């Protein structure tokens, strides 16, 4: 039994994972705006909309990353550099920022 996957399967799964992550970020931002509005006032909607915009950017970056990986996998004879870690670093920084804001809201 062969374990070789058809070319392009992993980039497709990666693109779907980035899409799910961006959907979760958008939904979480909008739900947080709805839930936190009585506690923080209408200013929370600015943060919620920024989260939704960040989710759109994350979805676009994830699609570009998956396309880049598909190109890397398709060029077996010639090595092609893969995508860098900038998207992952920005995502991690965004999650850290969300955590700090959430902690500030809990402590306030």
PDB file of N, CA and C in Angstrom:
ATOM      1  N   UNK A   1       0.843  -1.178   0.000  1.00  0.00           N
ATOM      2  CA  UNK A   1       0.000   0.000   0.000  1.00  0.00           C
ATOM      3  C   UNK A   1       0.889   1.242   0.000  1.00  0.00           C
ATOM      4  N   UNK A   2       0.641   2.150  -0.921  1.00  0.00           N
ATOM      5  CA  UNK A   2       1.460   3.340  -1.070  1.00  0.00           C
ATOM      6  C   UNK A   2       0.914   4.469  -0.197  1.00  0.00           C
ATOM      7  N   UNK A   3       1.835   5.225   0.404  1.00  0.00           N
ATOM      8  CA  UNK A   3       1.429   6.365   1.221  1.00  0.00           C
ATOM      9  C   UNK A   3       1.646   7.682   0.487  1.00  0.00           C
ATOM     10  N   UNK A   4       1.993   7.607  -0.800  1.00  0.00           N
ATOM     11  CA  UNK A   4       2.209   8.821  -1.573  1.00  0.00           C
ATOM     12  C   UNK A   4       0.873   9.514  -1.830  1.00  0.00           C
ATOM     13  N   UNK A   5       0.835  10.798  -1.498  1.00  0.00           N
ATOM     14  CA  UNK A   5      -0.371  11.582  -1.737  1.00  0.00           C
ATOM     15  C   UNK A   5      -0.270  12.254  -3.098  1.00  0.00           C
ATOM     16  N   UNK A   6      -1.387  12.502  -3.736  1.00  0.00           N
ATOM     17  CA  UNK A   6      -1.343  13.234  -5.006  1.00  0.00           C
ATOM     18  C   UNK A   6      -0.743  14.622  -4.781  1.00  0.00           C
ATOM     19  N   UNK A   7      -0.020  15.154  -5.777  1.00  0.00           N
ATOM     20  CA  UNK A   7       0.552  16.484  -5.603  1.00  0.00           C
ATOM     21  C   UNK A   7      -0.552  17.517  -5.387  1.00  0.00           C
ATOM     22  N   UNK A   8      -0.316  18.414  -4.478  1.00  0.00           N
ATOM     23  CA  UNK A   8      -1.275  19.480  -4.223  1.00  0.00           C
ATOM     24  C   UNK A   8      -2.223  19.213  -3.073  1.00  0.00           C
ATOM     25  N   UNK A   9      -2.211  18.005  -2.511  1.00  0.00           N
ATOM     26  CA  UNK A   9      -3.148  17.705  -1.424  1.00  0.00           C
ATOM     27  C   UNK A   9      -2.782  18.491  -0.169  1.00  0.00           C
ATOM     28  N   UNK A  10      -1.508  18.502   0.187  1.00  0.00           N
ATOM     29  CA  UNK A  10      -1.118  19.213   1.393  1.00  0.00           C
ATOM     30  C   UNK A  10      -1.340  20.722   1.269  1.00  0.00           C
ATOM     31  N   UNK A  11      -0.979  21.371   0.153  1.00  0.00           N
ATOM     32  CA  UNK A  11      -1.295  22.804   0.057  1.00  0.00           C
ATOM     33  C   UNK A  11      -2.794  23.088   0.150  1.00  0.00           C
ATOM     34  N   UNK A  12      -3.609  22.179  -0.391  1.00  0.00           N
ATOM     35  CA  UNK A  12      -5.062  22.380  -0.296  1.00  0.00           C
ATOM     36  C   UNK A  12      -5.525  22.287   1.155  1.00  0.00           C
ATOM     37  N   UNK A  13      -5.005  21.310   1.883  1.00  0.00           N
ATOM     38  CA  UNK A  13      -5.367  21.190   3.305  1.00  0.00           C
ATOM     39  C   UNK A  13      -4.874  22.384   4.096  1.00  0.00           C
ATOM     40  N   UNK A  14      -3.688  22.867   3.759  1.00  0.00           N
ATOM     41  CA  UNK A  14      -3.155  24.041   4.439  1.00  0.00           C
ATOM     42  C   UNK A  14      -4.022  25.262   4.163  1.00  0.00           C
ATOM     43  N   UNK A  15      -4.439  25.434   2.921  1.00  0.00           N
ATOM     44  CA  UNK A  15      -5.312  26.563   2.580  1.00  0.00           C
ATOM     45  C   UNK A  15      -6.630  26.471   3.335  1.00  0.00           C
ATOM     46  N   UNK A  16      -7.175  25.268   3.448  1.00  0.00           N
ATOM     47  CA  UNK A  16      -8.426  25.097   4.201  1.00  0.00           C
ATOM     48  C   UNK A  16      -8.218  25.411   5.681  1.00  0.00           C
ATOM     49  N   UNK A  17      -7.075  25.042   6.227  1.00  0.00           N
ATOM     50  CA  UNK A  17      -6.792  25.342   7.636  1.00  0.00           C
ATOM     51  C   UNK A  17      -6.694  26.852   7.863  1.00  0.00           C
ATOM     52  N   UNK A  18      -6.021  27.559   6.951  1.00  0.00           N
ATOM     53  CA  UNK A  18      -5.938  29.016   7.080  1.00  0.00           C
ATOM     54  C   UNK A  18      -7.323  29.642   6.934  1.00  0.00           C
ATOM     55  N   UNK A  19      -8.142  29.098   6.040  1.00  0.00           N
ATOM     56  CA  UNK A  19      -9.493  29.627   5.851  1.00  0.00           C
ATOM     57  C   UNK A  19     -10.326  29.427   7.123  1.00  0.00           C
ATOM     58  N   UNK A  20     -10.229  28.244   7.729  1.00  0.00           N
ATOM     59  CA  UNK A  20     -10.962  28.000   8.983  1.00  0.00           C
ATOM     60  C   UNK A  20     -10.484  28.936  10.088  1.00  0.00           C
ATOM     61  N   UNK A  21      -9.180  29.160  10.161  1.00  0.00           N
ATOM     62  CA  UNK A  21      -8.647  30.054  11.184  1.00  0.00           C
ATOM     63  C   UNK A  21      -9.147  31.471  10.987  1.00  0.00           C
ATOM     64  N   UNK A  22      -9.168  31.940   9.741  1.00  0.00           N
ATOM     65  CA  UNK A  22      -9.644  33.300   9.501  1.00  0.00           C
ATOM     66  C   UNK A  22     -11.146  33.422   9.766  1.00  0.00           C
ATOM     67  N   UNK A  23     -11.911  32.384   9.437  1.00  0.00           N
ATOM     68  CA  UNK A  23     -13.340  32.400   9.763  1.00  0.00           C
ATOM     69  C   UNK A  23     -13.572  32.435  11.269  1.00  0.00           C
ATOM     70  N   UNK A  24     -12.786  31.671  12.006  1.00  0.00           N
ATOM     71  CA  UNK A  24     -12.906  31.669  13.461  1.00  0.00           C
ATOM     72  C   UNK A  24     -12.552  33.036  14.033  1.00  0.00           C
ATOM     73  N   UNK A  25     -11.523  33.668  13.489  1.00  0.00           N
ATOM     74  CA  UNK A  25     -11.140  34.999  13.959  1.00  0.00           C
ATOM     75  C   UNK A  25     -12.240  36.019  13.670  1.00  0.00           C
ATOM     76  N   UNK A  26     -12.810  35.975  12.479  1.00  0.00           N
ATOM     77  CA  UNK A  26     -13.880  36.916  12.134  1.00  0.00           C
ATOM     78  C   UNK A  26     -15.106  36.696  13.023  1.00  0.00           C
ATOM     79  N   UNK A  27     -15.513  35.445  13.163  1.00  0.00           N
ATOM     80  CA  UNK A  27     -16.682  35.148  13.993  1.00  0.00           C
ATOM     81  C   UNK A  27     -16.419  35.505  15.454  1.00  0.00           C
ATOM     82  N   UNK A  28     -15.248  35.170  15.956  1.00  0.00           N
ATOM     83  CA  UNK A  28     -14.904  35.492  17.343  1.00  0.00           C
ATOM     84  C   UNK A  28     -14.872  36.984  17.592  1.00  0.00           C
ATOM     85  N   UNK A  29     -14.357  37.739  16.636  1.00  0.00           N
ATOM     86  CA  UNK A  29     -14.310  39.194  16.791  1.00  0.00           C
ATOM     87  C   UNK A  29     -15.709  39.788  16.855  1.00  0.00           C
ATOM     88  N   UNK A  30     -16.568  39.342  15.954  1.00  0.00           N
ATOM     89  CA  UNK A  30     -17.924  39.896  15.929  1.00  0.00           C
ATOM     90  C   UNK A  30     -18.746  39.460  17.144  1.00  0.00           C
ATOM     91  N   UNK A  31     -18.583  38.219  17.570  1.00  0.00           N
ATOM     92  CA  UNK A  31     -19.298  37.759  18.774  1.00  0.00           C
ATOM     93  C   UNK A  31     -18.772  38.484  20.003  1.00  0.00           C
ATOM     94  N   UNK A  32     -17.454  38.688  20.081  1.00  0.00           N
ATOM     95  CA  UNK A  32     -16.883  39.421  21.216  1.00  0.00           C
ATOM     96  C   UNK A  32     -17.411  40.846  21.247  1.00  0.00           C
ATOM     97  N   UNK A  33     -17.570  41.465  20.076  1.00  0.00           N
ATOM     98  CA  UNK A  33     -18.142  42.804  20.042  1.00  0.00           C
ATOM     99  C   UNK A  33     -19.567  42.824  20.560  1.00  0.00           C
ATOM    100  N   UNK A  34     -20.314  41.822  20.179  1.00  0.00           N
ATOM    101  CA  UNK A  34     -21.723  41.733  20.627  1.00  0.00           C
ATOM    102  C   UNK A  34     -21.817  41.491  22.138  1.00  0.00           C
ATOM    103  N   UNK A  35     -20.967  40.596  22.647  1.00  0.00           N
ATOM    104  CA  UNK A  35     -21.031  40.232  24.066  1.00  0.00           C
ATOM    105  C   UNK A  35     -20.446  41.333  24.948  1.00  0.00           C
ATOM    106  N   UNK A  36     -19.365  41.959  24.499  1.00  0.00           N
ATOM    107  CA  UNK A  36     -18.671  42.926  25.352  1.00  0.00           C
ATOM    108  C   UNK A  36     -19.233  44.334  25.257  1.00  0.00           C
ATOM    109  N   UNK A  37     -20.146  44.581  24.349  1.00  0.00           N
ATOM    110  CA  UNK A  37     -20.673  45.942  24.196  1.00  0.00           C
ATOM    111  C   UNK A  37     -21.310  46.481  25.475  1.00  0.00           C
ATOM    112  N   UNK A  38     -22.101  45.701  26.218  1.00  0.00           N
ATOM    113  CA  UNK A  38     -22.671  46.258  27.452  1.00  0.00           C
ATOM    114  C   UNK A  38     -21.607  46.620  28.498  1.00  0.00           C
ATOM    115  N   UNK A  39     -20.476  45.936  28.472  1.00  0.00           N
ATOM    116  CA  UNK A  39     -19.423  46.212  29.450  1.00  0.00           C
ATOM    117  C   UNK A  39     -18.503  47.357  29.033  1.00  0.00           C
ATOM    118  N   UNK A  40     -18.237  47.468  27.755  1.00  0.00           N
ATOM    119  CA  UNK A  40     -17.234  48.425  27.289  1.00  0.00           C
ATOM    120  C   UNK A  40     -17.801  49.578  26.482  1.00  0.00           C
ATOM    121  N   UNK A  41     -19.030  49.464  26.035  1.00  0.00           N
ATOM    122  CA  UNK A  41     -19.614  50.513  25.214  1.00  0.00           C
ATOM    123  C   UNK A  41     -19.357  50.272  23.736  1.00  0.00           C
ATOM    124  N   UNK A  42     -19.739  51.223  22.917  1.00  0.00           N
ATOM    125  CA  UNK A  42     -19.634  51.023  21.470  1.00  0.00           C
ATOM    126  C   UNK A  42     -18.199  51.003  20.939  1.00  0.00           C
ATOM    127  N   UNK A  43     -17.227  51.389  21.746  1.00  0.00           N
ATOM    128  CA  UNK A  43     -15.836  51.380  21.294  1.00  0.00           C
ATOM    129  C   UNK A  43     -15.341  49.972  20.962  1.00  0.00           C
ATOM    130  N   UNK A  44     -15.953  48.961  21.561  1.00  0.00           N
ATOM    131  CA  UNK A  44     -15.533  47.584  21.295  1.00  0.00           C
ATOM    132  C   UNK A  44     -15.778  47.210  19.837  1.00  0.00           C
ATOM    133  N   UNK A  45     -16.717  47.874  19.158  1.00  0.00           N
ATOM    134  CA  UNK A  45     -16.996  47.554  17.762  1.00  0.00           C
ATOM    135  C   UNK A  45     -15.832  47.935  16.857  1.00  0.00           C
ATOM    136  N   UNK A  46     -15.059  48.927  17.279  1.00  0.00           N
ATOM    137  CA  UNK A  46     -13.862  49.272  16.510  1.00  0.00           C
ATOM    138  C   UNK A  46     -12.892  48.093  16.540  1.00  0.00           C
ATOM    139  N   UNK A  47     -12.719  47.523  17.726  1.00  0.00           N
ATOM    140  CA  UNK A  47     -11.828  46.368  17.876  1.00  0.00           C
ATOM    141  C   UNK A  47     -12.391  45.165  17.116  1.00  0.00           C
ATOM    142  N   UNK A  48     -13.711  44.972  17.182  1.00  0.00           N
ATOM    143  CA  UNK A  48     -14.332  43.844  16.484  1.00  0.00           C
ATOM    144  C   UNK A  48     -14.168  43.971  14.973  1.00  0.00           C
ATOM    145  N   UNK A  49     -14.352  45.160  14.442  1.00  0.00           N
ATOM    146  CA  UNK A  49     -14.186  45.363  13.007  1.00  0.00           C
ATOM    147  C   UNK A  49     -12.725  45.186  12.609  1.00  0.00           C
ATOM    148  N   UNK A  50     -11.797  45.662  13.437  1.00  0.00           N
ATOM    149  CA  UNK A  50     -10.378  45.438  13.164  1.00  0.00           C
ATOM    150  C   UNK A  50     -10.048  43.947  13.142  1.00  0.00           C
ATOM    151  N   UNK A  51     -10.662  43.185  14.033  1.00  0.00           N
ATOM    152  CA  UNK A  51     -10.474  41.734  14.023  1.00  0.00           C
ATOM    153  C   UNK A  51     -11.015  41.097  12.755  1.00  0.00           C
ATOM    154  N   UNK A  52     -12.168  41.580  12.289  1.00  0.00           N
ATOM    155  CA  UNK A  52     -12.742  41.046  11.052  1.00  0.00           C
ATOM    156  C   UNK A  52     -11.871  41.398   9.846  1.00  0.00           C
ATOM    157  N   UNK A  53     -11.326  42.603   9.829  1.00  0.00           N
ATOM    158  CA  UNK A  53     -10.426  43.005   8.742  1.00  0.00           C
ATOM    159  C   UNK A  53      -9.147  42.175   8.793  1.00  0.00           C
ATOM    160  N   UNK A  54      -8.641  41.945  10.000  1.00  0.00           N
ATOM    161  CA  UNK A  54      -7.455  41.086  10.143  1.00  0.00           C
ATOM    162  C   UNK A  54      -7.750  39.677   9.648  1.00  0.00           C
ATOM    163  N   UNK A  55      -8.963  39.200   9.854  1.00  0.00           N
ATOM    164  CA  UNK A  55      -9.340  37.870   9.368  1.00  0.00           C
ATOM    165  C   UNK A  55      -9.324  37.821   7.845  1.00  0.00           C
ATOM    166  N   UNK A  56      -9.764  38.887   7.201  1.00  0.00           N
ATOM    167  CA  UNK A  56      -9.701  38.938   5.741  1.00  0.00           C
ATOM    168  C   UNK A  56      -8.251  38.905   5.255  1.00  0.00           C
ATOM    169  N   UNK A  57      -7.398  39.666   5.922  1.00  0.00           N
ATOM    170  CA  UNK A  57      -5.984  39.653   5.564  1.00  0.00           C
ATOM    171  C   UNK A  57      -5.350  38.294   5.791  1.00  0.00           C
ATOM    172  N   UNK A  58      -5.742  37.634   6.867  1.00  0.00           N
ATOM    173  CA  UNK A  58      -5.218  36.302   7.157  1.00  0.00           C
ATOM    174  C   UNK A  58      -5.675  35.294   6.112  1.00  0.00           C
ATOM    175  N   UNK A  59      -6.915  35.400   5.672  1.00  0.00           N
ATOM    176  CA  UNK A  59      -7.413  34.485   4.634  1.00  0.00           C
ATOM    177  C   UNK A  59      -6.651  34.696   3.331  1.00  0.00           C
ATOM    178  N   UNK A  60      -6.392  35.946   2.986  1.00  0.00           N
ATOM    179  CA  UNK A  60      -5.642  36.240   1.756  1.00  0.00           C
ATOM    180  C   UNK A  60      -4.208  35.729   1.864  1.00  0.00           C
ATOM    181  N   UNK A  61      -3.576  35.981   3.001  1.00  0.00           N
ATOM    182  CA  UNK A  61      -2.198  35.522   3.187  1.00  0.00           C
ATOM    183  C   UNK A  61      -2.127  33.996   3.176  1.00  0.00           C
ATOM    184  N   UNK A  62      -3.109  33.339   3.764  1.00  0.00           N
ATOM    185  CA  UNK A  62      -3.133  31.876   3.756  1.00  0.00           C
ATOM    186  C   UNK A  62      -3.282  31.310   2.362  1.00  0.00           C
ATOM    187  N   UNK A  63      -4.113  31.953   1.548  1.00  0.00           N
ATOM    188  CA  UNK A  63      -4.265  31.501   0.163  1.00  0.00           C
ATOM    189  C   UNK A  63      -2.972  31.676  -0.619  1.00  0.00           C
ATOM    190  N   UNK A  64      -2.310  32.815  -0.413  1.00  0.00           N
ATOM    191  CA  UNK A  64      -1.033  33.038  -1.093  1.00  0.00           C
ATOM    192  C   UNK A  64       0.021  32.043  -0.634  1.00  0.00           C
ATOM    193  N   UNK A  65       0.043  31.729   0.673  1.00  0.00           N
ATOM    194  CA  UNK A  65       1.005  30.749   1.184  1.00  0.00           C
ATOM    195  C   UNK A  65       0.763  29.375   0.564  1.00  0.00           C
ATOM    196  N   UNK A  66      -0.497  28.983   0.479  1.00  0.00           N
ATOM    197  CA  UNK A  66      -0.813  27.674  -0.092  1.00  0.00           C
ATOM    198  C   UNK A  66      -0.421  27.619  -1.565  1.00  0.00           C
ATOM    199  N   UNK A  67      -0.657  28.704  -2.283  1.00  0.00           N
ATOM    200  CA  UNK A  67      -0.256  28.739  -3.694  1.00  0.00           C
ATOM    201  C   UNK A  67       1.264  28.660  -3.819  1.00  0.00           C
ATOM    202  N   UNK A  68       1.966  29.317  -2.917  1.00  0.00           N
ATOM    203  CA  UNK A  68       3.434  29.266  -2.944  1.00  0.00           C
ATOM    204  C   UNK A  68       3.923  27.849  -2.660  1.00  0.00           C
ATOM    205  N   UNK A  69       3.315  27.174  -1.677  1.00  0.00           N
ATOM    206  CA  UNK A  69       3.725  25.797  -1.374  1.00  0.00           C
ATOM    207  C   UNK A  69       3.421  24.869  -2.540  1.00  0.00           C
ATOM    208  N   UNK A  70       2.311  25.109  -3.228  1.00  0.00           N
ATOM    209  CA  UNK A  70       1.999  24.288  -4.403  1.00  0.00           C
ATOM    210  C   UNK A  70       3.068  24.467  -5.470  1.00  0.00           C
ATOM    211  N   UNK A  71       3.573  25.692  -5.609  1.00  0.00           N
ATOM    212  CA  UNK A  71       4.658  25.945  -6.554  1.00  0.00           C
ATOM    213  C   UNK A  71       5.928  25.237  -6.116  1.00  0.00           C
ATOM    214  N   UNK A  72       6.220  25.279  -4.822  1.00  0.00           N
ATOM    215  CA  UNK A  72       7.427  24.624  -4.293  1.00  0.00           C
ATOM    216  C   UNK A  72       7.355  23.122  -4.537  1.00  0.00           C
ATOM    217  N   UNK A  73       6.200  22.523  -4.272  1.00  0.00           N
ATOM    218  CA  UNK A  73       6.048  21.076  -4.442  1.00  0.00           C
ATOM    219  C   UNK A  73       6.110  20.703  -5.920  1.00  0.00           C
ATOM    220  N   UNK A  74       5.621  21.566  -6.795  1.00  0.00           N
ATOM    221  CA  UNK A  74       5.598  21.271  -8.221  1.00  0.00           C
ATOM    222  C   UNK A  74       6.960  21.360  -8.897  1.00  0.00           C
ATOM    223  N   UNK A  75       7.954  21.973  -8.253  1.00  0.00           N
ATOM    224  CA  UNK A  75       9.285  22.135  -8.844  1.00  0.00           C
ATOM    225  C   UNK A  75      10.276  21.190  -8.187  1.00  0.00           C
ATOM    226  N   UNK A  76      10.086  19.908  -8.359  1.00  0.00           N
ATOM    227  CA  UNK A  76      10.981  18.947  -7.727  1.00  0.00           C
ATOM    228  C   UNK A  76      12.403  18.964  -8.281  1.00  0.00           C
ATOM    229  N   UNK A  77      12.613  19.082  -9.611  1.00  0.00           N
ATOM    230  CA  UNK A  77      13.992  19.058 -10.089  1.00  0.00           C
ATOM    231  C   UNK A  77      14.806  20.263  -9.619  1.00  0.00           C
ATOM    232  N   UNK A  78      14.182  21.444  -9.577  1.00  0.00           N
ATOM    233  CA  UNK A  78      14.879  22.648  -9.155  1.00  0.00           C
ATOM    234  C   UNK A  78      14.326  23.089  -7.802  1.00  0.00           C
ATOM    235  N   UNK A  79      15.177  23.235  -6.802  1.00  0.00           N
ATOM    236  CA  UNK A  79      14.665  23.696  -5.503  1.00  0.00           C
ATOM    237  C   UNK A  79      14.180  25.149  -5.582  1.00  0.00           C
ATOM    238  N   UNK A  80      13.013  25.379  -5.055  1.00  0.00           N
ATOM    239  CA  UNK A  80      12.426  26.717  -4.999  1.00  0.00           C
ATOM    240  C   UNK A  80      12.195  27.024  -3.528  1.00  0.00           C
ATOM    241  N   UNK A  81      12.616  28.205  -3.059  1.00  0.00           N
ATOM    242  CA  UNK A  81      12.405  28.504  -1.639  1.00  0.00           C
ATOM    243  C   UNK A  81      10.933  28.584  -1.286  1.00  0.00           C
ATOM    244  N   UNK A  82      10.589  28.079  -0.118  1.00  0.00           N
ATOM    245  CA  UNK A  82       9.211  28.130   0.350  1.00  0.00           C
ATOM    246  C   UNK A  82       8.872  29.487   0.926  1.00  0.00           C
ATOM    247  N   UNK A  83       7.630  29.675   1.333  1.00  0.00           N
ATOM    248  CA  UNK A  83       7.245  30.955   1.919  1.00  0.00           C
ATOM    249  C   UNK A  83       7.913  31.136   3.274  1.00  0.00           C
ATOM    250  N   UNK A  84       8.159  32.361   3.615  1.00  0.00           N
ATOM    251  CA  UNK A  84       8.790  32.664   4.897  1.00  0.00           C
ATOM    252  C   UNK A  84       7.814  32.534   6.055  1.00  0.00           C
ATOM    253  N   UNK A  85       8.264  32.908   7.217  1.00  0.00           N
ATOM    254  CA  UNK A  85       7.450  32.790   8.416  1.00  0.00           C
ATOM    255  C   UNK A  85       6.765  34.073   8.828  1.00  0.00           C
ATOM    256  N   UNK A  86       6.726  35.075   7.927  1.00  0.00           N
ATOM    257  CA  UNK A  86       6.136  36.362   8.285  1.00  0.00           C
ATOM    258  C   UNK A  86       4.659  36.233   8.639  1.00  0.00           C
ATOM    259  N   UNK A  87       3.904  35.452   7.881  1.00  0.00           N
ATOM    260  CA  UNK A  87       2.478  35.283   8.157  1.00  0.00           C
ATOM    261  C   UNK A  87       2.261  34.625   9.511  1.00  0.00           C
ATOM    262  N   UNK A  88       3.072  33.599   9.799  1.00  0.00           N
ATOM    263  CA  UNK A  88       2.944  32.930  11.093  1.00  0.00           C
ATOM    264  C   UNK A  88       3.295  33.866  12.237  1.00  0.00           C
ATOM    265  N   UNK A  89       4.336  34.684  12.059  1.00  0.00           N
ATOM    266  CA  UNK A  89       4.726  35.632  13.103  1.00  0.00           C
ATOM    267  C   UNK A  89       3.646  36.684  13.329  1.00  0.00           C
ATOM    268  N   UNK A  90       3.054  37.195  12.245  1.00  0.00           N
ATOM    269  CA  UNK A  90       1.978  38.172  12.393  1.00  0.00           C
ATOM    270  C   UNK A  90       0.756  37.560  13.069  1.00  0.00           C
ATOM    271  N   UNK A  91       0.447  36.325  12.727  1.00  0.00           N
ATOM    272  CA  UNK A  91      -0.684  35.636  13.351  1.00  0.00           C
ATOM    273  C   UNK A  91      -0.433  35.445  14.851  1.00  0.00           C
ATOM    274  N   UNK A  92       0.773  35.023  15.201  1.00  0.00           N
ATOM    275  CA  UNK A  92       1.110  34.835  16.615  1.00  0.00           C
ATOM    276  C   UNK A  92       1.069  36.161  17.367  1.00  0.00           C
ATOM    277  N   UNK A  93       1.568  37.227  16.743  1.00  0.00           N
ATOM    278  CA  UNK A  93       1.511  38.542  17.374  1.00  0.00           C
ATOM    279  C   UNK A  93       0.080  39.021  17.567  1.00  0.00           C
ATOM    280  N   UNK A  94      -0.766  38.760  16.588  1.00  0.00           N
ATOM    281  CA  UNK A  94      -2.174  39.132  16.717  1.00  0.00           C
ATOM    282  C   UNK A  94      -2.871  38.388  17.838  1.00  0.00           C
ATOM    283  N   UNK A  95      -2.577  37.105  17.949  1.00  0.00           N
ATOM    284  CA  UNK A  95      -3.170  36.316  19.032  1.00  0.00           C
ATOM    285  C   UNK A  95      -2.678  36.822  20.384  1.00  0.00           C
ATOM    286  N   UNK A  96      -1.400  37.176  20.474  1.00  0.00           N
ATOM    287  CA  UNK A  96      -0.866  37.735  21.711  1.00  0.00           C
ATOM    288  C   UNK A  96      -1.560  39.040  22.053  1.00  0.00           C
ATOM    289  N   UNK A  97      -1.760  39.906  21.055  1.00  0.00           N
ATOM    290  CA  UNK A  97      -2.447  41.173  21.285  1.00  0.00           C
ATOM    291  C   UNK A  97      -3.881  40.948  21.751  1.00  0.00           C
ATOM    292  N   UNK A  98      -4.576  40.016  21.131  1.00  0.00           N
ATOM    293  CA  UNK A  98      -5.947  39.699  21.549  1.00  0.00           C
ATOM    294  C   UNK A  98      -5.954  39.202  22.998  1.00  0.00           C
ATOM    295  N   UNK A  99      -4.991  38.376  23.346  1.00  0.00           N
ATOM    296  CA  UNK A  99      -4.906  37.870  24.721  1.00  0.00           C
ATOM    297  C   UNK A  99      -4.649  38.978  25.727  1.00  0.00           C
ATOM    298  N   UNK A 100      -3.782  39.927  25.392  1.00  0.00           N
ATOM    299  CA  UNK A 100      -3.484  41.035  26.300  1.00  0.00           C
ATOM    300  C   UNK A 100      -4.714  41.921  26.473  1.00  0.00           C
ATOM    301  N   UNK A 101      -5.414  42.194  25.366  1.00  0.00           N
ATOM    302  CA  UNK A 101      -6.641  43.005  25.467  1.00  0.00           C
ATOM    303  C   UNK A 101      -7.695  42.273  26.290  1.00  0.00           C
ATOM    304  N   UNK A 102      -7.842  40.965  26.079  1.00  0.00           N
ATOM    305  CA  UNK A 102      -8.813  40.191  26.856  1.00  0.00           C
ATOM    306  C   UNK A 102      -8.449  40.216  28.344  1.00  0.00           C
ATOM    307  N   UNK A 103      -7.165  40.070  28.652  1.00  0.00           N
ATOM    308  CA  UNK A 103      -6.730  40.128  30.057  1.00  0.00           C
ATOM    309  C   UNK A 103      -7.018  41.492  30.657  1.00  0.00           C
ATOM    310  N   UNK A 104      -6.785  42.553  29.902  1.00  0.00           N
ATOM    311  CA  UNK A 104      -7.076  43.898  30.387  1.00  0.00           C
ATOM    312  C   UNK A 104      -8.570  44.087  30.650  1.00  0.00           C
ATOM    313  N   UNK A 105      -9.402  43.518  29.765  1.00  0.00           N
ATOM    314  CA  UNK A 105     -10.851  43.625  29.971  1.00  0.00           C
ATOM    315  C   UNK A 105     -11.297  42.843  31.204  1.00  0.00           C
ATOM    316  N   UNK A 106     -10.677  41.697  31.444  1.00  0.00           N
ATOM    317  CA  UNK A 106     -11.042  40.887  32.608  1.00  0.00           C
ATOM    318  C   UNK A 106     -10.625  41.579  33.897  1.00  0.00           C
ATOM    319  N   UNK A 107      -9.448  42.160  33.890  1.00  0.00           N
ATOM    320  CA  UNK A 107      -8.943  42.832  35.099  1.00  0.00           C
ATOM    321  C   UNK A 107      -9.614  44.173  35.358  1.00  0.00           C
ATOM    322  N   UNK A 108     -10.169  44.785  34.309  1.00  0.00           N
ATOM    323  CA  UNK A 108     -10.798  46.128  34.486  1.00  0.00           C
ATOM    324  C   UNK A 108     -12.150  46.043  35.137  1.00  0.00           C
TER     325      UNK A 108
END
